[in-house]
């Protein structure tokens, strides 16, 4: 858990400092990025939730298949 938190913080601060540098160095076009950033973050969160749900469903199905295979191999299938 600590390595995931450290990675998240590193990525977050890298993004934050890069965005600040772009705003200060890029001028007017950078403000377009700042304007659309909430929409991008919202969309990424929504897509992330959908991907997590799909991945979890796939892992559950794979676990069911592995259980059936385990029972078949050991001869304990009902």
C-alpha atoms as a PDB file:
ATOM      1  CA  UNK A   1       0.000   0.000   0.000  1.00  0.00           C
ATOM      2  CA  UNK A   2       2.815   2.396   0.816  1.00  0.00           C
ATOM      3  CA  UNK A   3       4.442   1.896  -2.600  1.00  0.00           C
ATOM      4  CA  UNK A   4       1.127   2.651  -4.321  1.00  0.00           C
ATOM      5  CA  UNK A   5       0.675   5.791  -2.244  1.00  0.00           C
ATOM      6  CA  UNK A   6       4.234   6.905  -2.979  1.00  0.00           C
ATOM      7  CA  UNK A   7       3.719   6.336  -6.714  1.00  0.00           C
ATOM      8  CA  UNK A   8       0.434   8.239  -6.649  1.00  0.00           C
ATOM      9  CA  UNK A   9       1.982  11.198  -4.843  1.00  0.00           C
ATOM     10  CA  UNK A  10       4.924  11.248  -7.231  1.00  0.00           C
ATOM     11  CA  UNK A  11       2.635  11.229 -10.270  1.00  0.00           C
ATOM     12  CA  UNK A  12       0.356  13.856  -8.747  1.00  0.00           C
ATOM     13  CA  UNK A  13       3.159  16.297  -7.966  1.00  0.00           C
ATOM     14  CA  UNK A  14       4.779  15.702 -11.355  1.00  0.00           C
ATOM     15  CA  UNK A  15       1.465  16.557 -13.009  1.00  0.00           C
ATOM     16  CA  UNK A  16       0.951  19.578 -10.771  1.00  0.00           C
ATOM     17  CA  UNK A  17       4.398  21.069 -11.387  1.00  0.00           C
ATOM     18  CA  UNK A  18       4.182  20.355 -15.120  1.00  0.00           C
ATOM     19  CA  UNK A  19       0.786  22.050 -15.324  1.00  0.00           C
ATOM     20  CA  UNK A  20       2.113  25.089 -13.435  1.00  0.00           C
ATOM     21  CA  UNK A  21       5.139  25.298 -15.729  1.00  0.00           C
ATOM     22  CA  UNK A  22       2.919  25.090 -18.803  1.00  0.00           C
ATOM     23  CA  UNK A  23       0.638  27.845 -17.506  1.00  0.00           C
ATOM     24  CA  UNK A  24       3.525  30.180 -16.747  1.00  0.00           C
ATOM     25  CA  UNK A  25       5.569  29.395 -19.855  1.00  0.00           C
ATOM     26  CA  UNK A  26       2.812  28.672 -22.360  1.00  0.00           C
ATOM     27  CA  UNK A  27       0.701  31.775 -22.047  1.00  0.00           C
ATOM     28  CA  UNK A  28      -2.822  31.898 -23.398  1.00  0.00           C
ATOM     29  CA  UNK A  29      -3.080  28.347 -24.719  1.00  0.00           C
ATOM     30  CA  UNK A  30      -2.283  26.965 -21.295  1.00  0.00           C
ATOM     31  CA  UNK A  31      -5.432  28.591 -19.930  1.00  0.00           C
ATOM     32  CA  UNK A  32      -7.426  26.495 -22.392  1.00  0.00           C
ATOM     33  CA  UNK A  33      -5.906  23.448 -20.703  1.00  0.00           C
ATOM     34  CA  UNK A  34      -6.849  24.804 -17.283  1.00  0.00           C
ATOM     35  CA  UNK A  35     -10.386  25.421 -18.517  1.00  0.00           C
ATOM     36  CA  UNK A  36     -10.847  21.865 -19.820  1.00  0.00           C
ATOM     37  CA  UNK A  37      -9.014  20.142 -16.979  1.00  0.00           C
ATOM     38  CA  UNK A  38     -12.130  19.515 -14.830  1.00  0.00           C
ATOM     39  CA  UNK A  39     -13.850  17.828 -17.775  1.00  0.00           C
ATOM     40  CA  UNK A  40     -10.787  15.671 -18.422  1.00  0.00           C
ATOM     41  CA  UNK A  41     -10.497  14.647 -14.763  1.00  0.00           C
ATOM     42  CA  UNK A  42     -14.213  13.835 -14.577  1.00  0.00           C
ATOM     43  CA  UNK A  43     -14.074  11.741 -17.756  1.00  0.00           C
ATOM     44  CA  UNK A  44     -10.953   9.895 -16.602  1.00  0.00           C
ATOM     45  CA  UNK A  45     -12.618   9.083 -13.282  1.00  0.00           C
ATOM     46  CA  UNK A  46     -15.745   7.813 -14.977  1.00  0.00           C
ATOM     47  CA  UNK A  47     -13.745   5.648 -17.397  1.00  0.00           C
ATOM     48  CA  UNK A  48     -11.595   4.390 -14.511  1.00  0.00           C
ATOM     49  CA  UNK A  49     -14.640   3.236 -12.565  1.00  0.00           C
ATOM     50  CA  UNK A  50     -15.977   1.427 -15.634  1.00  0.00           C
ATOM     51  CA  UNK A  51     -12.628  -0.271 -16.257  1.00  0.00           C
ATOM     52  CA  UNK A  52     -12.360  -1.323 -12.599  1.00  0.00           C
ATOM     53  CA  UNK A  53     -15.862  -2.823 -12.711  1.00  0.00           C
ATOM     54  CA  UNK A  54     -15.144  -4.687 -15.943  1.00  0.00           C
ATOM     55  CA  UNK A  55     -11.805  -5.948 -14.647  1.00  0.00           C
ATOM     56  CA  UNK A  56     -13.352  -7.111 -11.382  1.00  0.00           C
ATOM     57  CA  UNK A  57     -16.091  -8.971 -13.280  1.00  0.00           C
ATOM     58  CA  UNK A  58     -13.492 -10.633 -15.501  1.00  0.00           C
ATOM     59  CA  UNK A  59     -11.409 -11.677 -12.507  1.00  0.00           C
ATOM     60  CA  UNK A  60     -14.480 -13.178 -10.836  1.00  0.00           C
ATOM     61  CA  UNK A  61     -15.276 -15.211 -13.944  1.00  0.00           C
ATOM     62  CA  UNK A  62     -11.667 -16.376 -14.199  1.00  0.00           C
ATOM     63  CA  UNK A  63     -11.746 -17.447 -10.533  1.00  0.00           C
ATOM     64  CA  UNK A  64     -14.908 -19.484 -11.205  1.00  0.00           C
ATOM     65  CA  UNK A  65     -13.236 -21.209 -14.161  1.00  0.00           C
ATOM     66  CA  UNK A  66     -10.123 -21.943 -12.100  1.00  0.00           C
ATOM     67  CA  UNK A  67     -12.240 -23.424  -9.305  1.00  0.00           C
ATOM     68  CA  UNK A  68     -14.013 -25.718 -11.770  1.00  0.00           C
ATOM     69  CA  UNK A  69     -10.667 -26.737 -13.257  1.00  0.00           C
ATOM     70  CA  UNK A  70      -9.219 -27.402  -9.775  1.00  0.00           C
ATOM     71  CA  UNK A  71     -12.201 -29.541  -8.820  1.00  0.00           C
ATOM     72  CA  UNK A  72     -12.027 -31.463 -12.095  1.00  0.00           C
ATOM     73  CA  UNK A  73      -8.313 -32.152 -11.753  1.00  0.00           C
ATOM     74  CA  UNK A  74      -8.577 -33.326  -8.152  1.00  0.00           C
ATOM     75  CA  UNK A  75     -11.732 -35.326  -8.839  1.00  0.00           C
ATOM     76  CA  UNK A  76     -13.881 -33.551  -6.282  1.00  0.00           C
ATOM     77  CA  UNK A  77     -16.362 -32.061  -8.718  1.00  0.00           C
ATOM     78  CA  UNK A  78     -19.953 -32.363  -7.624  1.00  0.00           C
END
